[in-house]
PDB file of all heavy atoms in Angstrom:
ATOM      1  N   HIS A   1      61.696 -27.297 -21.660  1.00  0.00           N
ATOM      2  CA  HIS A   1      62.294 -27.728 -20.424  1.00  0.00           C
ATOM      3  C   HIS A   1      62.103 -26.677 -19.362  1.00  0.00           C
ATOM      4  O   HIS A   1      62.402 -25.521 -19.561  1.00  0.00           O
ATOM      5  CB  HIS A   1      63.821 -27.953 -20.603  1.00  0.00           C
ATOM      6  CG  HIS A   1      64.157 -29.087 -21.520  1.00  0.00           C
ATOM      7  ND1 HIS A   1      65.379 -29.242 -22.102  1.00  0.00           N
ATOM      8  CD2 HIS A   1      63.397 -30.106 -21.938  1.00  0.00           C
ATOM      9  CE1 HIS A   1      65.349 -30.332 -22.850  1.00  0.00           C
ATOM     10  NE2 HIS A   1      64.191 -30.850 -22.774  1.00  0.00           N
ATOM     11  N   THR A   2      61.550 -27.093 -18.228  1.00  0.00           N
ATOM     12  CA  THR A   2      61.349 -26.188 -17.126  1.00  0.00           C
ATOM     13  C   THR A   2      62.364 -26.422 -16.027  1.00  0.00           C
ATOM     14  O   THR A   2      62.553 -27.515 -15.569  1.00  0.00           O
ATOM     15  CB  THR A   2      59.919 -26.328 -16.523  1.00  0.00           C
ATOM     16  OG1 THR A   2      58.952 -26.067 -17.537  1.00  0.00           O
ATOM     17  CG2 THR A   2      59.709 -25.359 -15.384  1.00  0.00           C
ATOM     18  N   LEU A   3      63.089 -25.359 -15.610  1.00  0.00           N
ATOM     19  CA  LEU A   3      64.052 -25.393 -14.570  1.00  0.00           C
ATOM     20  C   LEU A   3      63.573 -24.545 -13.400  1.00  0.00           C
ATOM     21  O   LEU A   3      63.078 -23.436 -13.618  1.00  0.00           O
ATOM     22  CB  LEU A   3      65.417 -24.896 -15.036  1.00  0.00           C
ATOM     23  CG  LEU A   3      65.995 -25.461 -16.310  1.00  0.00           C
ATOM     24  CD1 LEU A   3      67.328 -24.818 -16.607  1.00  0.00           C
ATOM     25  CD2 LEU A   3      66.150 -26.982 -16.207  1.00  0.00           C
ATOM     26  N   VAL A   4      63.684 -25.052 -12.206  1.00  0.00           N
ATOM     27  CA  VAL A   4      63.389 -24.297 -11.008  1.00  0.00           C
ATOM     28  C   VAL A   4      64.658 -24.184 -10.160  1.00  0.00           C
ATOM     29  O   VAL A   4      65.131 -25.163  -9.608  1.00  0.00           O
ATOM     30  CB  VAL A   4      62.242 -24.942 -10.174  1.00  0.00           C
ATOM     31  CG1 VAL A   4      61.930 -24.074  -8.960  1.00  0.00           C
ATOM     32  CG2 VAL A   4      60.975 -25.137 -11.017  1.00  0.00           C
ATOM     33  N   ILE A   5      65.201 -22.984 -10.081  1.00  0.00           N
ATOM     34  CA  ILE A   5      66.491 -22.793  -9.416  1.00  0.00           C
ATOM     35  C   ILE A   5      66.323 -21.640  -8.416  1.00  0.00           C
ATOM     36  O   ILE A   5      66.060 -20.479  -8.768  1.00  0.00           O
ATOM     37  CB  ILE A   5      67.603 -22.427 -10.398  1.00  0.00           C
ATOM     38  CG1 ILE A   5      67.740 -23.558 -11.446  1.00  0.00           C
ATOM     39  CG2 ILE A   5      68.944 -22.256  -9.688  1.00  0.00           C
ATOM     40  CD1 ILE A   5      68.635 -23.242 -12.612  1.00  0.00           C
ATOM     41  N   ASP A   6      66.480 -22.000  -7.109  1.00  0.00           N
ATOM     42  CA  ASP A   6      66.351 -21.009  -6.048  1.00  0.00           C
ATOM     43  C   ASP A   6      65.034 -20.254  -6.135  1.00  0.00           C
ATOM     44  O   ASP A   6      64.975 -19.026  -5.922  1.00  0.00           O
ATOM     45  CB  ASP A   6      67.552 -20.041  -6.031  1.00  0.00           C
ATOM     46  CG  ASP A   6      68.865 -20.757  -5.785  1.00  0.00           C
ATOM     47  OD1 ASP A   6      68.887 -21.763  -5.053  1.00  0.00           O
ATOM     48  OD2 ASP A   6      69.914 -20.300  -6.335  1.00  0.00           O
ATOM     49  N   GLY A   7      63.992 -20.967  -6.443  1.00  0.00           N
ATOM     50  CA  GLY A   7      62.687 -20.361  -6.537  1.00  0.00           C
ATOM     51  C   GLY A   7      62.373 -19.652  -7.820  1.00  0.00           C
ATOM     52  O   GLY A   7      61.201 -19.275  -8.068  1.00  0.00           O
ATOM     53  N   GLU A   8      63.346 -19.491  -8.727  1.00  0.00           N
ATOM     54  CA  GLU A   8      63.170 -18.851 -10.034  1.00  0.00           C
ATOM     55  C   GLU A   8      62.890 -19.922 -11.086  1.00  0.00           C
ATOM     56  O   GLU A   8      63.612 -20.926 -11.170  1.00  0.00           O
ATOM     57  CB  GLU A   8      64.391 -18.057 -10.413  1.00  0.00           C
ATOM     58  CG  GLU A   8      64.277 -17.260 -11.719  1.00  0.00           C
ATOM     59  CD  GLU A   8      63.384 -16.039 -11.592  1.00  0.00           C
ATOM     60  OE1 GLU A   8      63.765 -15.124 -10.868  1.00  0.00           O
ATOM     61  OE2 GLU A   8      62.330 -16.009 -12.213  1.00  0.00           O
ATOM     62  N   THR A   9      61.836 -19.739 -11.888  1.00  0.00           N
ATOM     63  CA  THR A   9      61.462 -20.693 -12.940  1.00  0.00           C
ATOM     64  C   THR A   9      61.962 -20.184 -14.272  1.00  0.00           C
ATOM     65  O   THR A   9      61.741 -19.051 -14.656  1.00  0.00           O
ATOM     66  CB  THR A   9      59.962 -20.859 -12.984  1.00  0.00           C
ATOM     67  OG1 THR A   9      59.497 -21.372 -11.727  1.00  0.00           O
ATOM     68  CG2 THR A   9      59.554 -21.854 -14.083  1.00  0.00           C
ATOM     69  N   TYR A  10      62.663 -21.055 -14.983  1.00  0.00           N
ATOM     70  CA  TYR A  10      63.128 -20.793 -16.346  1.00  0.00           C
ATOM     71  C   TYR A  10      62.479 -21.785 -17.284  1.00  0.00           C
ATOM     72  O   TYR A  10      62.553 -23.019 -17.114  1.00  0.00           O
ATOM     73  CB  TYR A  10      64.651 -20.953 -16.452  1.00  0.00           C
ATOM     74  CG  TYR A  10      65.416 -20.077 -15.509  1.00  0.00           C
ATOM     75  CD1 TYR A  10      65.716 -20.481 -14.219  1.00  0.00           C
ATOM     76  CD2 TYR A  10      65.857 -18.810 -15.851  1.00  0.00           C
ATOM     77  CE1 TYR A  10      66.447 -19.673 -13.305  1.00  0.00           C
ATOM     78  CE2 TYR A  10      66.588 -17.973 -14.985  1.00  0.00           C
ATOM     79  CZ  TYR A  10      66.862 -18.453 -13.714  1.00  0.00           C
ATOM     80  OH  TYR A  10      67.544 -17.653 -12.830  1.00  0.00           O
ATOM     81  N   LYS A  11      61.800 -21.281 -18.318  1.00  0.00           N
ATOM     82  CA  LYS A  11      61.199 -22.126 -19.324  1.00  0.00           C
ATOM     83  C   LYS A  11      61.990 -21.994 -20.631  1.00  0.00           C
ATOM     84  O   LYS A  11      61.966 -20.962 -21.269  1.00  0.00           O
ATOM     85  CB  LYS A  11      59.740 -21.768 -19.521  1.00  0.00           C
ATOM     86  CG  LYS A  11      58.888 -22.058 -18.268  1.00  0.00           C
ATOM     87  CD  LYS A  11      57.409 -21.880 -18.527  1.00  0.00           C
ATOM     88  CE  LYS A  11      56.607 -22.267 -17.285  1.00  0.00           C
ATOM     89  NZ  LYS A  11      55.160 -22.234 -17.527  1.00  0.00           N
ATOM     90  N   LEU A  12      62.713 -23.066 -20.964  1.00  0.00           N
ATOM     91  CA  LEU A  12      63.557 -23.073 -22.150  1.00  0.00           C
ATOM     92  C   LEU A  12      62.933 -23.916 -23.259  1.00  0.00           C
ATOM     93  O   LEU A  12      62.307 -24.926 -23.026  1.00  0.00           O
ATOM     94  CB  LEU A  12      64.924 -23.636 -21.756  1.00  0.00           C
ATOM     95  CG  LEU A  12      65.667 -22.983 -20.579  1.00  0.00           C
ATOM     96  CD1 LEU A  12      66.963 -23.691 -20.301  1.00  0.00           C
ATOM     97  CD2 LEU A  12      65.879 -21.482 -20.857  1.00  0.00           C
ATOM     98  N   ARG A  13      63.143 -23.468 -24.454  1.00  0.00           N
ATOM     99  CA  ARG A  13      62.588 -24.196 -25.644  1.00  0.00           C
ATOM    100  C   ARG A  13      63.713 -24.550 -26.639  1.00  0.00           C
ATOM    101  O   ARG A  13      63.836 -25.704 -27.031  1.00  0.00           O
ATOM    102  CB  ARG A  13      61.522 -23.357 -26.283  1.00  0.00           C
ATOM    103  CG  ARG A  13      60.294 -23.147 -25.377  1.00  0.00           C
ATOM    104  CD  ARG A  13      59.360 -22.070 -25.872  1.00  0.00           C
ATOM    105  NE  ARG A  13      59.903 -20.729 -25.718  1.00  0.00           N
ATOM    106  CZ  ARG A  13      59.848 -20.012 -24.582  1.00  0.00           C
ATOM    107  NH1 ARG A  13      59.269 -20.553 -23.530  1.00  0.00           N
ATOM    108  NH2 ARG A  13      60.328 -18.808 -24.521  1.00  0.00           N
ATOM    109  N   LEU A  14      64.511 -23.588 -27.021  1.00  0.00           N
ATOM    110  CA  LEU A  14      65.630 -23.823 -27.910  1.00  0.00           C
ATOM    111  C   LEU A  14      66.970 -23.829 -27.200  1.00  0.00           C
ATOM    112  O   LEU A  14      67.896 -24.562 -27.547  1.00  0.00           O
ATOM    113  CB  LEU A  14      65.653 -22.771 -29.037  1.00  0.00           C
ATOM    114  CG  LEU A  14      64.731 -23.030 -30.170  1.00  0.00           C
ATOM    115  CD1 LEU A  14      64.608 -21.760 -31.059  1.00  0.00           C
ATOM    116  CD2 LEU A  14      65.145 -24.223 -31.041  1.00  0.00           C
ATOM    117  N   LEU A  15      67.091 -22.963 -26.200  1.00  0.00           N
ATOM    118  CA  LEU A  15      68.347 -22.838 -25.481  1.00  0.00           C
ATOM    119  C   LEU A  15      68.646 -24.100 -24.674  1.00  0.00           C
ATOM    120  O   LEU A  15      67.767 -24.634 -23.964  1.00  0.00           O
ATOM    121  CB  LEU A  15      68.323 -21.608 -24.553  1.00  0.00           C
ATOM    122  CG  LEU A  15      68.231 -20.243 -25.226  1.00  0.00           C
ATOM    123  CD1 LEU A  15      68.008 -19.164 -24.216  1.00  0.00           C
ATOM    124  CD2 LEU A  15      69.547 -19.984 -26.038  1.00  0.00           C
ATOM    125  N   PRO A  16      69.867 -24.596 -24.707  1.00  0.00           N
ATOM    126  CA  PRO A  16      70.275 -25.723 -23.862  1.00  0.00           C
ATOM    127  C   PRO A  16      70.089 -25.377 -22.378  1.00  0.00           C
ATOM    128  O   PRO A  16      70.260 -24.245 -21.987  1.00  0.00           O
ATOM    129  CB  PRO A  16      71.737 -25.948 -24.210  1.00  0.00           C
ATOM    130  CG  PRO A  16      71.900 -25.322 -25.582  1.00  0.00           C
ATOM    131  CD  PRO A  16      70.935 -24.156 -25.608  1.00  0.00           C
ATOM    132  N   SER A  17      69.791 -26.409 -21.579  1.00  0.00           N
ATOM    133  CA  SER A  17      69.520 -26.158 -20.169  1.00  0.00           C
ATOM    134  C   SER A  17      70.712 -25.667 -19.391  1.00  0.00           C
ATOM    135  O   SER A  17      70.559 -25.082 -18.311  1.00  0.00           O
ATOM    136  CB  SER A  17      68.954 -27.468 -19.551  1.00  0.00           C
ATOM    137  OG  SER A  17      67.761 -27.835 -20.129  1.00  0.00           O
ATOM    138  N   GLY A  18      71.901 -25.853 -19.881  1.00  0.00           N
ATOM    139  CA  GLY A  18      73.109 -25.383 -19.232  1.00  0.00           C
ATOM    140  C   GLY A  18      73.274 -23.866 -19.296  1.00  0.00           C
ATOM    141  O   GLY A  18      74.146 -23.317 -18.616  1.00  0.00           O
ATOM    142  N   ILE A  19      72.445 -23.192 -20.060  1.00  0.00           N
ATOM    143  CA  ILE A  19      72.599 -21.752 -20.267  1.00  0.00           C
ATOM    144  C   ILE A  19      72.434 -20.956 -18.988  1.00  0.00           C
ATOM    145  O   ILE A  19      73.015 -19.851 -18.822  1.00  0.00           O
ATOM    146  CB  ILE A  19      71.637 -21.237 -21.356  1.00  0.00           C
ATOM    147  CG1 ILE A  19      72.083 -19.841 -21.889  1.00  0.00           C
ATOM    148  CG2 ILE A  19      70.194 -21.181 -20.836  1.00  0.00           C
ATOM    149  CD1 ILE A  19      73.308 -19.869 -22.689  1.00  0.00           C
ATOM    150  N   VAL A  20      71.682 -21.484 -18.036  1.00  0.00           N
ATOM    151  CA  VAL A  20      71.467 -20.750 -16.766  1.00  0.00           C
ATOM    152  C   VAL A  20      72.634 -20.880 -15.798  1.00  0.00           C
ATOM    153  O   VAL A  20      72.597 -20.249 -14.738  1.00  0.00           O
ATOM    154  CB  VAL A  20      70.143 -21.194 -16.111  1.00  0.00           C
ATOM    155  CG1 VAL A  20      68.961 -20.957 -17.020  1.00  0.00           C
ATOM    156  CG2 VAL A  20      70.200 -22.673 -15.742  1.00  0.00           C
ATOM    157  N   ARG A  21      73.625 -21.658 -16.131  1.00  0.00           N
ATOM    158  CA  ARG A  21      74.818 -21.752 -15.296  1.00  0.00           C
ATOM    159  C   ARG A  21      75.945 -20.878 -15.831  1.00  0.00           C
ATOM    160  O   ARG A  21      76.101 -20.706 -17.043  1.00  0.00           O
ATOM    161  CB  ARG A  21      75.346 -23.195 -15.233  1.00  0.00           C
ATOM    162  CG  ARG A  21      74.473 -24.097 -14.343  1.00  0.00           C
ATOM    163  CD  ARG A  21      75.193 -25.423 -14.135  1.00  0.00           C
ATOM    164  NE  ARG A  21      74.460 -26.278 -13.244  1.00  0.00           N
ATOM    165  CZ  ARG A  21      74.568 -26.321 -11.950  1.00  0.00           C
ATOM    166  NH1 ARG A  21      75.379 -25.464 -11.361  1.00  0.00           N
ATOM    167  NH2 ARG A  21      73.871 -27.153 -11.202  1.00  0.00           N
ATOM    168  N   LYS A  22      76.688 -20.313 -14.952  1.00  0.00           N
ATOM    169  CA  LYS A  22      77.831 -19.459 -15.323  1.00  0.00           C
ATOM    170  C   LYS A  22      78.997 -20.322 -15.814  1.00  0.00           C
ATOM    171  O   LYS A  22      79.183 -21.442 -15.396  1.00  0.00           O
ATOM    172  CB  LYS A  22      78.278 -18.570 -14.159  1.00  0.00           C
ATOM    173  CG  LYS A  22      77.238 -17.562 -13.746  1.00  0.00           C
ATOM    174  CD  LYS A  22      77.733 -16.683 -12.595  1.00  0.00           C
ATOM    175  CE  LYS A  22      76.711 -15.650 -12.209  1.00  0.00           C
ATOM    176  NZ  LYS A  22      77.175 -14.798 -11.070  1.00  0.00           N
ATOM    177  N   ASN A  23      79.776 -19.747 -16.734  1.00  0.00           N
ATOM    178  CA  ASN A  23      81.026 -20.331 -17.205  1.00  0.00           C
ATOM    179  C   ASN A  23      80.817 -21.664 -17.955  1.00  0.00           C
ATOM    180  O   ASN A  23      81.677 -22.565 -17.894  1.00  0.00           O
ATOM    181  CB  ASN A  23      81.994 -20.535 -16.037  1.00  0.00           C
ATOM    182  CG  ASN A  23      82.284 -19.200 -15.298  1.00  0.00           C
ATOM    183  OD1 ASN A  23      82.479 -18.182 -15.928  1.00  0.00           O
ATOM    184  ND2 ASN A  23      82.301 -19.292 -13.949  1.00  0.00           N
ATOM    185  N   LYS A  24      79.678 -21.798 -18.599  1.00  0.00           N
ATOM    186  CA  LYS A  24      79.411 -22.980 -19.426  1.00  0.00           C
ATOM    187  C   LYS A  24      79.197 -22.566 -20.858  1.00  0.00           C
ATOM    188  O   LYS A  24      78.698 -21.471 -21.146  1.00  0.00           O
ATOM    189  CB  LYS A  24      78.152 -23.725 -18.934  1.00  0.00           C
ATOM    190  CG  LYS A  24      78.156 -24.084 -17.453  1.00  0.00           C
ATOM    191  CD  LYS A  24      79.231 -25.110 -17.127  1.00  0.00           C
ATOM    192  CE  LYS A  24      79.238 -25.365 -15.605  1.00  0.00           C
ATOM    193  NZ  LYS A  24      80.342 -26.337 -15.238  1.00  0.00           N
ATOM    194  N   ILE A  25      79.550 -23.422 -21.805  1.00  0.00           N
ATOM    195  CA  ILE A  25      79.258 -23.205 -23.210  1.00  0.00           C
ATOM    196  C   ILE A  25      77.975 -23.935 -23.583  1.00  0.00           C
ATOM    197  O   ILE A  25      77.834 -25.112 -23.325  1.00  0.00           O
ATOM    198  CB  ILE A  25      80.398 -23.685 -24.115  1.00  0.00           C
ATOM    199  CG1 ILE A  25      81.743 -23.006 -23.742  1.00  0.00           C
ATOM    200  CG2 ILE A  25      80.081 -23.490 -25.581  1.00  0.00           C
ATOM    201  CD1 ILE A  25      81.777 -21.543 -23.980  1.00  0.00           C
ATOM    202  N   SER A  26      77.028 -23.235 -24.209  1.00  0.00           N
ATOM    203  CA  SER A  26      75.787 -23.807 -24.674  1.00  0.00           C
ATOM    204  C   SER A  26      75.788 -23.816 -26.205  1.00  0.00           C
ATOM    205  O   SER A  26      76.097 -22.805 -26.824  1.00  0.00           O
ATOM    206  CB  SER A  26      74.611 -23.073 -24.143  1.00  0.00           C
ATOM    207  OG  SER A  26      74.432 -23.306 -22.757  1.00  0.00           O
ATOM    208  N   ILE A  27      75.414 -24.930 -26.799  1.00  0.00           N
ATOM    209  CA  ILE A  27      75.455 -25.103 -28.253  1.00  0.00           C
ATOM    210  C   ILE A  27      74.123 -25.623 -28.794  1.00  0.00           C
ATOM    211  O   ILE A  27      73.549 -26.551 -28.266  1.00  0.00           O
ATOM    212  CB  ILE A  27      76.586 -26.080 -28.684  1.00  0.00           C
ATOM    213  CG1 ILE A  27      77.967 -25.496 -28.318  1.00  0.00           C
ATOM    214  CG2 ILE A  27      76.502 -26.395 -30.159  1.00  0.00           C
ATOM    215  CD1 ILE A  27      79.137 -26.473 -28.599  1.00  0.00           C
ATOM    216  N   ILE A  28      73.677 -24.984 -29.844  1.00  0.00           N
ATOM    217  CA  ILE A  28      72.510 -25.476 -30.618  1.00  0.00           C
ATOM    218  C   ILE A  28      73.063 -26.116 -31.876  1.00  0.00           C
ATOM    219  O   ILE A  28      73.615 -25.467 -32.733  1.00  0.00           O
ATOM    220  CB  ILE A  28      71.526 -24.339 -30.981  1.00  0.00           C
ATOM    221  CG1 ILE A  28      71.022 -23.683 -29.680  1.00  0.00           C
ATOM    222  CG2 ILE A  28      70.361 -24.884 -31.792  1.00  0.00           C
ATOM    223  CD1 ILE A  28      70.212 -22.412 -29.890  1.00  0.00           C
ATOM    224  N   GLY A  29      72.926 -27.446 -31.987  1.00  0.00           N
ATOM    225  CA  GLY A  29      73.572 -28.214 -33.061  1.00  0.00           C
ATOM    226  C   GLY A  29      72.837 -28.174 -34.377  1.00  0.00           C
ATOM    227  O   GLY A  29      71.690 -27.653 -34.481  1.00  0.00           O
ATOM    228  N   ASN A  30      73.456 -28.764 -35.382  1.00  0.00           N
ATOM    229  CA  ASN A  30      72.894 -28.784 -36.760  1.00  0.00           C
ATOM    230  C   ASN A  30      71.644 -29.621 -36.827  1.00  0.00           C
ATOM    231  O   ASN A  30      70.809 -29.474 -37.755  1.00  0.00           O
ATOM    232  CB  ASN A  30      73.920 -29.330 -37.745  1.00  0.00           C
ATOM    233  CG  ASN A  30      74.414 -30.678 -37.355  1.00  0.00           C
ATOM    234  OD1 ASN A  30      75.344 -30.788 -36.562  1.00  0.00           O
ATOM    235  ND2 ASN A  30      73.862 -31.764 -37.920  1.00  0.00           N
ATOM    236  N   GLY A  31      71.402 -30.547 -35.877  1.00  0.00           N
ATOM    237  CA  GLY A  31      70.254 -31.391 -35.874  1.00  0.00           C
ATOM    238  C   GLY A  31      68.995 -30.693 -35.402  1.00  0.00           C
ATOM    239  O   GLY A  31      67.894 -31.237 -35.532  1.00  0.00           O
ATOM    240  N   VAL A  32      69.138 -29.500 -34.872  1.00  0.00           N
ATOM    241  CA  VAL A  32      68.005 -28.705 -34.363  1.00  0.00           C
ATOM    242  C   VAL A  32      67.433 -27.867 -35.512  1.00  0.00           C
ATOM    243  O   VAL A  32      68.183 -27.320 -36.327  1.00  0.00           O
ATOM    244  CB  VAL A  32      68.431 -27.785 -33.203  1.00  0.00           C
ATOM    245  CG1 VAL A  32      67.251 -26.957 -32.661  1.00  0.00           C
ATOM    246  CG2 VAL A  32      69.052 -28.625 -32.056  1.00  0.00           C
ATOM    247  N   VAL A  33      66.119 -27.783 -35.575  1.00  0.00           N
ATOM    248  CA  VAL A  33      65.476 -26.832 -36.509  1.00  0.00           C
ATOM    249  C   VAL A  33      65.130 -25.589 -35.717  1.00  0.00           C
ATOM    250  O   VAL A  33      64.497 -25.653 -34.632  1.00  0.00           O
ATOM    251  CB  VAL A  33      64.246 -27.433 -37.181  1.00  0.00           C
ATOM    252  CG1 VAL A  33      64.667 -28.394 -38.277  1.00  0.00           C
ATOM    253  CG2 VAL A  33      63.299 -28.099 -36.206  1.00  0.00           C
ATOM    254  N   VAL A  34      65.547 -24.421 -36.215  1.00  0.00           N
ATOM    255  CA  VAL A  34      65.562 -23.209 -35.453  1.00  0.00           C
ATOM    256  C   VAL A  34      64.636 -22.148 -36.019  1.00  0.00           C
ATOM    257  O   VAL A  34      64.827 -21.726 -37.181  1.00  0.00           O
ATOM    258  CB  VAL A  34      67.000 -22.607 -35.327  1.00  0.00           C
ATOM    259  CG1 VAL A  34      67.006 -21.312 -34.547  1.00  0.00           C
ATOM    260  CG2 VAL A  34      67.943 -23.618 -34.697  1.00  0.00           C
ATOM    261  N   ASP A  35      63.681 -21.724 -35.280  1.00  0.00           N
ATOM    262  CA  ASP A  35      62.864 -20.552 -35.598  1.00  0.00           C
ATOM    263  C   ASP A  35      63.653 -19.333 -35.097  1.00  0.00           C
ATOM    264  O   ASP A  35      63.774 -19.128 -33.894  1.00  0.00           O
ATOM    265  CB  ASP A  35      61.485 -20.624 -34.870  1.00  0.00           C
ATOM    266  CG  ASP A  35      60.596 -19.462 -35.233  1.00  0.00           C
ATOM    267  OD1 ASP A  35      61.097 -18.320 -35.322  1.00  0.00           O
ATOM    268  OD2 ASP A  35      59.367 -19.674 -35.380  1.00  0.00           O
ATOM    269  N   PRO A  36      64.206 -18.520 -36.012  1.00  0.00           N
ATOM    270  CA  PRO A  36      65.071 -17.449 -35.609  1.00  0.00           C
ATOM    271  C   PRO A  36      64.388 -16.432 -34.704  1.00  0.00           C
ATOM    272  O   PRO A  36      65.000 -15.856 -33.788  1.00  0.00           O
ATOM    273  CB  PRO A  36      65.549 -16.829 -36.921  1.00  0.00           C
ATOM    274  CG  PRO A  36      64.560 -17.259 -37.930  1.00  0.00           C
ATOM    275  CD  PRO A  36      64.038 -18.592 -37.471  1.00  0.00           C
ATOM    276  N   TRP A  37      63.108 -16.131 -34.998  1.00  0.00           N
ATOM    277  CA  TRP A  37      62.365 -15.188 -34.192  1.00  0.00           C
ATOM    278  C   TRP A  37      62.117 -15.703 -32.763  1.00  0.00           C
ATOM    279  O   TRP A  37      62.227 -15.003 -31.803  1.00  0.00           O
ATOM    280  CB  TRP A  37      61.057 -14.827 -34.889  1.00  0.00           C
ATOM    281  CG  TRP A  37      61.306 -14.154 -36.200  1.00  0.00           C
ATOM    282  CD1 TRP A  37      61.562 -12.831 -36.440  1.00  0.00           C
ATOM    283  CD2 TRP A  37      61.343 -14.805 -37.470  1.00  0.00           C
ATOM    284  NE1 TRP A  37      61.751 -12.633 -37.792  1.00  0.00           N
ATOM    285  CE2 TRP A  37      61.603 -13.824 -38.448  1.00  0.00           C
ATOM    286  CE3 TRP A  37      61.158 -16.117 -37.912  1.00  0.00           C
ATOM    287  CZ2 TRP A  37      61.736 -14.106 -39.809  1.00  0.00           C
ATOM    288  CZ3 TRP A  37      61.273 -16.405 -39.257  1.00  0.00           C
ATOM    289  CH2 TRP A  37      61.563 -15.385 -40.170  1.00  0.00           C
ATOM    290  N   ALA A  38      61.781 -16.990 -32.693  1.00  0.00           N
ATOM    291  CA  ALA A  38      61.564 -17.623 -31.379  1.00  0.00           C
ATOM    292  C   ALA A  38      62.888 -17.654 -30.601  1.00  0.00           C
ATOM    293  O   ALA A  38      62.859 -17.477 -29.406  1.00  0.00           O
ATOM    294  CB  ALA A  38      61.017 -19.053 -31.568  1.00  0.00           C
ATOM    295  N   LEU A  39      63.980 -17.884 -31.265  1.00  0.00           N
ATOM    296  CA  LEU A  39      65.282 -17.954 -30.591  1.00  0.00           C
ATOM    297  C   LEU A  39      65.628 -16.587 -30.006  1.00  0.00           C
ATOM    298  O   LEU A  39      66.041 -16.497 -28.833  1.00  0.00           O
ATOM    299  CB  LEU A  39      66.394 -18.428 -31.523  1.00  0.00           C
ATOM    300  CG  LEU A  39      67.810 -18.452 -30.976  1.00  0.00           C
ATOM    301  CD1 LEU A  39      67.889 -19.324 -29.777  1.00  0.00           C
ATOM    302  CD2 LEU A  39      68.809 -18.869 -32.042  1.00  0.00           C
ATOM    303  N   VAL A  40      65.484 -15.558 -30.777  1.00  0.00           N
ATOM    304  CA  VAL A  40      65.822 -14.207 -30.334  1.00  0.00           C
ATOM    305  C   VAL A  40      64.914 -13.815 -29.152  1.00  0.00           C
ATOM    306  O   VAL A  40      65.383 -13.223 -28.153  1.00  0.00           O
ATOM    307  CB  VAL A  40      65.704 -13.188 -31.468  1.00  0.00           C
ATOM    308  CG1 VAL A  40      65.754 -11.762 -30.930  1.00  0.00           C
ATOM    309  CG2 VAL A  40      66.771 -13.418 -32.516  1.00  0.00           C
TER     310      VAL A  40
END
């Protein structure tokens, strides 16, 4: 998912798109398959 916010581009793969907002909870659920190295 690509986000463009105030001219800054964020390319997200595992992280929920809400992570770039303050005061929000982002969750990666059990239905996601997670590459731990990619996540870190």
